[in-house]
N, C-alpha and C. Protein backbone atom coordinates (compact mmCIF):
# COMPACT_ATOMS: atom_id res chain seq x y z
N MET A 1 117.19 83.57 20.38
CA MET A 1 117.33 83.05 22.05
C MET A 1 118.25 83.85 22.34
N ALA A 2 117.93 83.94 23.80
CA ALA A 2 118.16 85.31 24.51
C ALA A 2 119.30 84.96 25.01
N ALA A 3 120.43 86.05 25.33
CA ALA A 3 121.87 85.85 25.82
C ALA A 3 121.60 85.54 27.49
N GLY A 4 122.40 84.66 27.85
CA GLY A 4 122.43 84.14 29.39
C GLY A 4 122.79 85.48 29.98
N LYS A 5 122.13 85.44 31.23
CA LYS A 5 121.96 86.36 32.14
C LYS A 5 123.60 87.21 32.39
N ASN A 6 124.48 86.19 32.76
CA ASN A 6 125.98 86.60 33.07
C ASN A 6 126.38 87.61 31.95
N LEU A 7 125.73 87.34 30.77
CA LEU A 7 126.73 88.18 29.51
C LEU A 7 126.05 89.70 29.37
N VAL A 8 124.66 89.54 29.68
CA VAL A 8 123.75 90.97 29.74
C VAL A 8 124.59 91.76 30.59
N PRO A 9 124.53 91.69 31.78
CA PRO A 9 124.75 92.94 32.58
C PRO A 9 126.05 94.01 32.07
N GLY A 10 126.94 92.74 31.80
CA GLY A 10 128.41 93.77 31.25
C GLY A 10 128.34 94.44 29.80
N SER A 11 127.47 93.82 29.10
CA SER A 11 127.34 94.35 27.63
C SER A 11 126.40 95.60 27.77
N ALA A 12 125.32 95.30 28.50
CA ALA A 12 123.87 96.09 27.98
C ALA A 12 123.95 97.63 28.39
N GLN A 13 124.91 98.11 29.18
CA GLN A 13 125.22 99.40 29.22
C GLN A 13 125.91 100.12 27.95
N MET A 14 126.82 98.97 27.45
CA MET A 14 127.23 99.48 26.00
C MET A 14 126.64 99.35 25.14
N LEU A 15 125.82 98.95 24.93
CA LEU A 15 124.77 98.60 23.78
C LEU A 15 123.57 99.47 23.86
N LEU A 16 123.02 99.92 25.11
CA LEU A 16 122.24 101.19 25.53
C LEU A 16 123.05 102.36 25.03
N LEU A 17 124.40 102.68 25.21
CA LEU A 17 125.01 103.90 24.85
C LEU A 17 125.04 103.98 23.45
N ARG A 18 125.49 102.56 22.83
CA ARG A 18 125.55 102.92 21.45
C ARG A 18 124.14 102.89 20.54
N LEU A 19 122.74 102.67 21.19
CA LEU A 19 121.84 103.10 20.68
C LEU A 19 121.51 104.40 20.77
N LEU A 20 121.73 105.11 21.94
CA LEU A 20 121.44 106.59 22.27
C LEU A 20 122.58 107.40 21.50
N ALA A 21 123.58 106.90 21.04
CA ALA A 21 124.77 107.64 20.05
C ALA A 21 124.07 107.87 18.85
N GLU A 22 123.06 107.07 18.78
CA GLU A 22 122.29 107.23 17.07
C GLU A 22 121.18 108.36 17.41
N ARG A 23 120.40 108.35 18.41
CA ARG A 23 119.41 109.38 18.61
C ARG A 23 118.66 108.92 20.08
N ASP A 24 118.02 110.36 20.63
CA ASP A 24 117.12 110.05 21.56
C ASP A 24 116.34 109.11 21.43
N MET A 25 116.34 108.30 22.60
CA MET A 25 115.05 106.88 22.55
C MET A 25 114.31 107.41 24.36
N TYR A 26 112.99 106.49 23.74
CA TYR A 26 112.83 106.31 25.44
C TYR A 26 112.68 104.51 25.67
N GLY A 27 112.19 104.25 27.05
CA GLY A 27 112.83 102.90 27.27
C GLY A 27 112.51 102.06 26.40
N TYR A 28 111.08 102.18 26.12
CA TYR A 28 110.22 100.75 25.13
C TYR A 28 111.04 100.84 23.95
N GLN A 29 111.29 102.02 23.30
CA GLN A 29 112.17 101.83 22.23
C GLN A 29 113.09 101.73 22.24
N MET A 30 114.00 101.55 23.19
CA MET A 30 115.21 100.78 23.15
C MET A 30 115.06 99.30 23.40
N ILE A 31 114.16 99.07 24.06
CA ILE A 31 113.95 97.53 24.35
C ILE A 31 114.00 96.64 23.11
N GLU A 32 112.83 97.63 22.22
CA GLU A 32 112.31 96.92 20.71
C GLU A 32 113.58 96.83 20.05
N GLU A 33 114.32 97.86 19.80
CA GLU A 33 115.35 97.91 18.75
C GLU A 33 116.65 97.22 19.52
N LEU A 34 116.84 97.25 20.25
CA LEU A 34 117.87 95.96 20.51
C LEU A 34 117.30 94.73 20.42
N ALA A 35 116.14 94.38 20.56
CA ALA A 35 115.82 92.90 20.15
C ALA A 35 115.79 92.82 18.81
N GLN A 36 115.37 93.63 18.01
CA GLN A 36 115.48 93.81 16.66
C GLN A 36 116.59 93.53 16.20
N ARG A 37 117.71 94.29 16.38
CA ARG A 37 118.95 94.67 16.05
C ARG A 37 119.75 92.98 16.37
N SER A 38 119.41 92.57 17.30
CA SER A 38 119.96 91.18 18.07
C SER A 38 119.32 90.23 17.77
N ASN A 39 118.48 90.23 16.97
CA ASN A 39 117.41 88.96 16.66
C ASN A 39 117.15 88.47 17.84
N ASP A 40 116.51 89.21 18.77
CA ASP A 40 115.93 88.61 20.09
C ASP A 40 117.26 88.15 21.00
N THR A 41 118.49 88.39 20.77
CA THR A 41 119.28 87.61 21.83
C THR A 41 119.28 88.30 22.57
N PHE A 42 119.20 89.85 22.71
CA PHE A 42 119.19 90.84 23.74
C PHE A 42 117.71 91.41 23.87
N ALA A 43 117.09 90.53 24.64
CA ALA A 43 115.59 90.70 24.90
C ALA A 43 115.46 91.39 26.53
N LEU A 44 115.82 92.21 26.56
CA LEU A 44 115.38 93.53 28.12
C LEU A 44 114.25 93.17 28.49
N LYS A 45 114.24 93.39 29.82
CA LYS A 45 112.95 93.33 30.37
C LYS A 45 112.84 94.92 31.10
N ALA A 46 111.68 95.53 31.28
CA ALA A 46 111.81 96.97 31.68
C ALA A 46 112.45 96.96 33.25
N GLY A 47 112.55 95.77 33.66
CA GLY A 47 112.97 95.53 35.24
C GLY A 47 114.56 95.41 35.20
N THR A 48 114.91 95.30 33.94
CA THR A 48 116.52 95.28 33.76
C THR A 48 117.05 96.44 33.48
N LEU A 49 116.02 97.10 32.37
CA LEU A 49 116.63 98.18 31.42
C LEU A 49 116.43 99.40 32.42
N TYR A 50 115.68 99.94 33.23
CA TYR A 50 115.26 101.04 33.90
C TYR A 50 116.39 101.11 34.84
N PRO A 51 116.83 99.95 35.62
CA PRO A 51 118.01 100.31 36.95
C PRO A 51 119.20 100.73 35.68
N ILE A 52 119.53 100.03 34.62
CA ILE A 52 120.64 100.33 33.94
C ILE A 52 120.62 101.71 33.81
N LEU A 53 119.71 102.13 33.13
CA LEU A 53 119.34 103.64 32.70
C LEU A 53 119.62 104.72 33.55
N HIS A 54 119.08 104.64 35.25
CA HIS A 54 119.25 105.11 36.09
C HIS A 54 120.87 105.01 36.46
N ALA A 55 121.56 104.13 36.41
CA ALA A 55 123.12 104.14 36.78
C ALA A 55 123.92 105.01 35.59
N LEU A 56 123.20 104.83 34.63
CA LEU A 56 124.10 105.48 33.35
C LEU A 56 123.78 107.10 33.70
N GLU A 57 122.46 107.45 34.48
CA GLU A 57 122.12 109.06 34.42
C GLU A 57 122.71 109.28 35.84
N ALA A 58 122.97 108.50 36.57
CA ALA A 58 123.48 108.77 37.98
C ALA A 58 125.01 109.18 37.59
N ASP A 59 125.86 108.48 36.75
CA ASP A 59 127.05 108.46 36.43
C ASP A 59 127.35 109.66 35.40
N GLY A 60 126.53 110.33 34.74
CA GLY A 60 126.76 111.20 33.98
C GLY A 60 126.84 111.07 32.29
N SER A 61 126.58 109.51 32.11
CA SER A 61 126.50 109.06 30.48
C SER A 61 125.50 109.49 30.08
N ILE A 62 124.52 109.72 30.48
CA ILE A 62 122.89 109.77 29.76
C ILE A 62 122.46 111.09 30.63
N GLU A 63 121.42 111.79 29.63
CA GLU A 63 120.70 112.63 30.89
C GLU A 63 119.01 111.94 29.87
N SER A 64 117.69 112.52 30.93
CA SER A 64 116.66 112.52 30.30
C SER A 64 115.84 113.83 30.27
N TYR A 65 114.56 113.62 29.66
CA TYR A 65 113.73 114.73 29.32
C TYR A 65 112.54 114.24 29.02
N GLU A 66 111.63 114.85 29.28
CA GLU A 66 110.12 114.36 28.98
C GLU A 66 109.89 115.59 27.80
N GLN A 67 108.79 114.61 26.99
CA GLN A 67 108.02 115.11 25.79
C GLN A 67 106.88 114.90 25.90
N PRO A 68 105.91 115.49 25.43
CA PRO A 68 104.64 115.67 25.47
C PRO A 68 104.10 114.50 24.83
N GLY A 69 103.19 113.40 25.47
CA GLY A 69 102.52 112.24 24.82
C GLY A 69 101.68 112.25 23.69
N GLY A 70 101.56 111.58 22.89
CA GLY A 70 100.58 111.76 21.78
C GLY A 70 99.38 110.76 22.00
N ALA A 71 98.75 110.19 20.94
CA ALA A 71 97.43 109.26 21.23
C ALA A 71 98.08 108.11 21.89
N ALA A 72 99.33 107.60 21.40
CA ALA A 72 99.75 106.27 21.96
C ALA A 72 100.23 106.27 23.49
N THR A 73 100.01 107.48 23.93
CA THR A 73 100.16 107.38 25.27
C THR A 73 99.07 107.94 26.30
N ALA A 74 98.06 108.67 25.46
CA ALA A 74 96.56 109.02 25.99
C ALA A 74 97.08 110.38 26.59
N GLY A 75 98.17 111.28 26.33
CA GLY A 75 98.56 112.53 26.50
C GLY A 75 99.65 112.26 27.45
N LYS A 76 100.36 111.31 27.97
CA LYS A 76 100.99 110.94 29.58
C LYS A 76 102.31 111.33 28.47
N PRO A 77 103.27 112.26 29.11
CA PRO A 77 104.56 112.48 28.43
C PRO A 77 105.42 111.08 28.77
N ARG A 78 106.26 111.17 27.72
CA ARG A 78 107.24 110.36 27.67
C ARG A 78 108.69 110.76 27.85
N ARG A 79 109.42 109.72 28.93
CA ARG A 79 110.80 110.05 29.34
C ARG A 79 111.61 109.61 28.48
N TYR A 80 112.35 110.80 27.53
CA TYR A 80 113.52 110.35 26.65
C TYR A 80 114.89 110.24 27.34
N TYR A 81 115.83 109.50 26.63
CA TYR A 81 117.18 109.37 27.06
C TYR A 81 118.29 109.89 26.20
N ARG A 82 119.27 110.44 26.63
CA ARG A 82 120.44 111.21 25.36
C ARG A 82 121.64 110.67 25.77
N ILE A 83 122.37 110.54 25.15
CA ILE A 83 123.87 110.51 25.36
C ILE A 83 124.69 111.80 25.75
N THR A 84 125.17 112.04 26.59
CA THR A 84 126.25 112.91 27.25
C THR A 84 127.45 112.98 26.42
N ARG A 85 128.42 114.21 26.57
CA ARG A 85 129.83 113.67 26.16
C ARG A 85 130.51 112.87 26.80
N ALA A 86 130.29 112.94 28.04
CA ALA A 86 130.77 111.63 28.97
C ALA A 86 130.59 110.51 28.74
N GLY A 87 129.21 110.21 28.45
CA GLY A 87 128.59 108.96 27.63
C GLY A 87 129.01 108.81 26.38
N ARG A 88 129.74 109.53 25.71
CA ARG A 88 130.19 109.23 24.19
C ARG A 88 131.70 108.53 24.49
N GLY A 89 132.20 109.33 25.69
CA GLY A 89 133.60 108.80 26.03
C GLY A 89 133.68 107.79 26.36
N ALA A 90 132.67 107.42 27.57
CA ALA A 90 132.60 105.62 28.06
C ALA A 90 132.14 104.65 27.14
N LEU A 91 131.22 105.31 26.36
CA LEU A 91 131.23 104.17 24.82
C LEU A 91 132.19 104.02 24.32
N GLU A 92 133.21 104.58 24.03
CA GLU A 92 134.37 104.36 23.10
C GLU A 92 135.32 103.51 24.04
N ALA A 93 135.43 103.81 25.32
CA ALA A 93 136.33 103.25 25.86
C ALA A 93 135.60 101.60 26.25
N GLN A 94 134.51 101.61 26.25
CA GLN A 94 133.82 100.18 26.54
C GLN A 94 133.85 99.32 25.35
N GLN A 95 133.74 100.07 23.96
CA GLN A 95 133.95 99.49 23.04
C GLN A 95 135.09 99.06 22.68
N THR A 96 136.35 99.47 23.10
CA THR A 96 137.55 99.40 22.71
C THR A 96 137.81 98.02 23.67
N GLU A 97 137.43 98.31 24.75
CA GLU A 97 137.85 96.89 25.77
C GLU A 97 136.92 95.77 25.07
N TRP A 98 135.61 95.65 24.77
CA TRP A 98 134.57 94.60 24.38
C TRP A 98 135.64 94.22 23.00
N ARG A 99 136.08 95.01 22.23
CA ARG A 99 136.61 94.14 20.98
C ARG A 99 138.10 93.60 21.69
N ARG A 100 138.69 93.97 22.58
CA ARG A 100 139.93 93.58 23.11
C ARG A 100 139.65 92.27 23.32
N VAL A 101 138.69 91.98 24.17
CA VAL A 101 138.36 90.72 25.27
C VAL A 101 137.73 90.00 24.06
N SER A 102 136.84 90.37 23.28
CA SER A 102 136.23 89.02 22.06
C SER A 102 137.42 88.90 21.23
N ARG A 103 138.59 89.54 21.15
CA ARG A 103 139.47 88.93 20.16
C ARG A 103 140.23 87.60 20.99
N ALA A 104 140.43 88.14 22.21
CA ALA A 104 141.23 86.89 23.00
C ALA A 104 140.43 85.86 23.01
N ILE A 105 138.82 86.12 23.39
CA ILE A 105 138.05 84.95 23.64
C ILE A 105 137.93 84.03 22.35
N ASN A 106 138.04 84.73 21.08
CA ASN A 106 137.83 84.10 19.89
C ASN A 106 139.19 83.43 19.78
N ALA A 107 140.32 83.99 19.95
CA ALA A 107 141.53 83.66 19.83
C ALA A 107 141.93 82.06 20.76
N VAL A 108 141.30 82.07 21.87
CA VAL A 108 141.32 80.86 22.66
C VAL A 108 140.57 79.89 22.17
N LEU A 109 139.54 80.28 22.00
CA LEU A 109 138.25 79.30 21.13
C LEU A 109 138.94 78.44 19.92
N GLU A 110 139.41 79.73 19.25
CA GLU A 110 139.97 78.73 18.08
C GLU A 110 140.97 77.59 18.34
N THR A 111 142.09 77.88 19.17
CA THR A 111 143.07 77.58 19.45
C THR A 111 142.69 76.07 20.09
N MET A 112 141.43 76.10 20.86
CA MET A 112 141.20 74.87 21.69
C MET A 112 140.33 74.21 20.17
N ASP A 113 139.55 74.62 19.59
CA ASP A 113 139.00 74.13 18.38
C ASP A 113 140.18 73.08 17.57
N ALA A 114 141.09 73.74 17.25
CA ALA A 114 141.88 73.67 16.18
C ALA A 114 142.79 72.08 16.97
N ARG A 115 142.89 72.53 18.26
CA ARG A 115 143.80 71.15 18.85
C ARG A 115 142.88 69.90 19.22
N ALA A 116 141.28 70.39 19.25
CA ALA A 116 140.38 69.18 19.68
C ALA A 116 140.07 68.61 17.59
N GLY A 117 140.39 69.17 16.94
CA GLY A 117 140.24 69.11 15.71
C GLY A 117 138.54 69.23 15.06
N VAL A 118 138.21 70.15 15.92
CA VAL A 118 136.61 70.53 15.42
C VAL A 118 136.78 71.59 14.50
N VAL A 119 135.72 71.45 13.83
CA VAL A 119 135.56 72.15 12.83
C VAL A 119 134.25 72.84 12.74
N LEU A 120 134.27 74.13 12.78
CA LEU A 120 132.84 74.75 12.59
C LEU A 120 132.60 75.59 11.72
């Protein structure tokens, strides 16, 4: 099940930075990796991915470079993205904020469930 559209924009940058913290990747690779790791909860389309990547590049969080393509791209170069030092700092800050907000949301949900006698 795909994530609601209102959840994705706020978390997509963080998730993409997290992928790029592991290794350089090209766009389609990020789409596939994110879908696989999230059990298709985050199924980004290219029309969603590339504006996010361009914004991250514009703010200095990532940078791109081209690599010669192989048989899969008929020799056309691929654009790879890598995280920068600034991007690593942004990722750390976003993860810290995400964990804080997530704990707060869970605390509210658990309190409401307990009051309603809901057992999950």
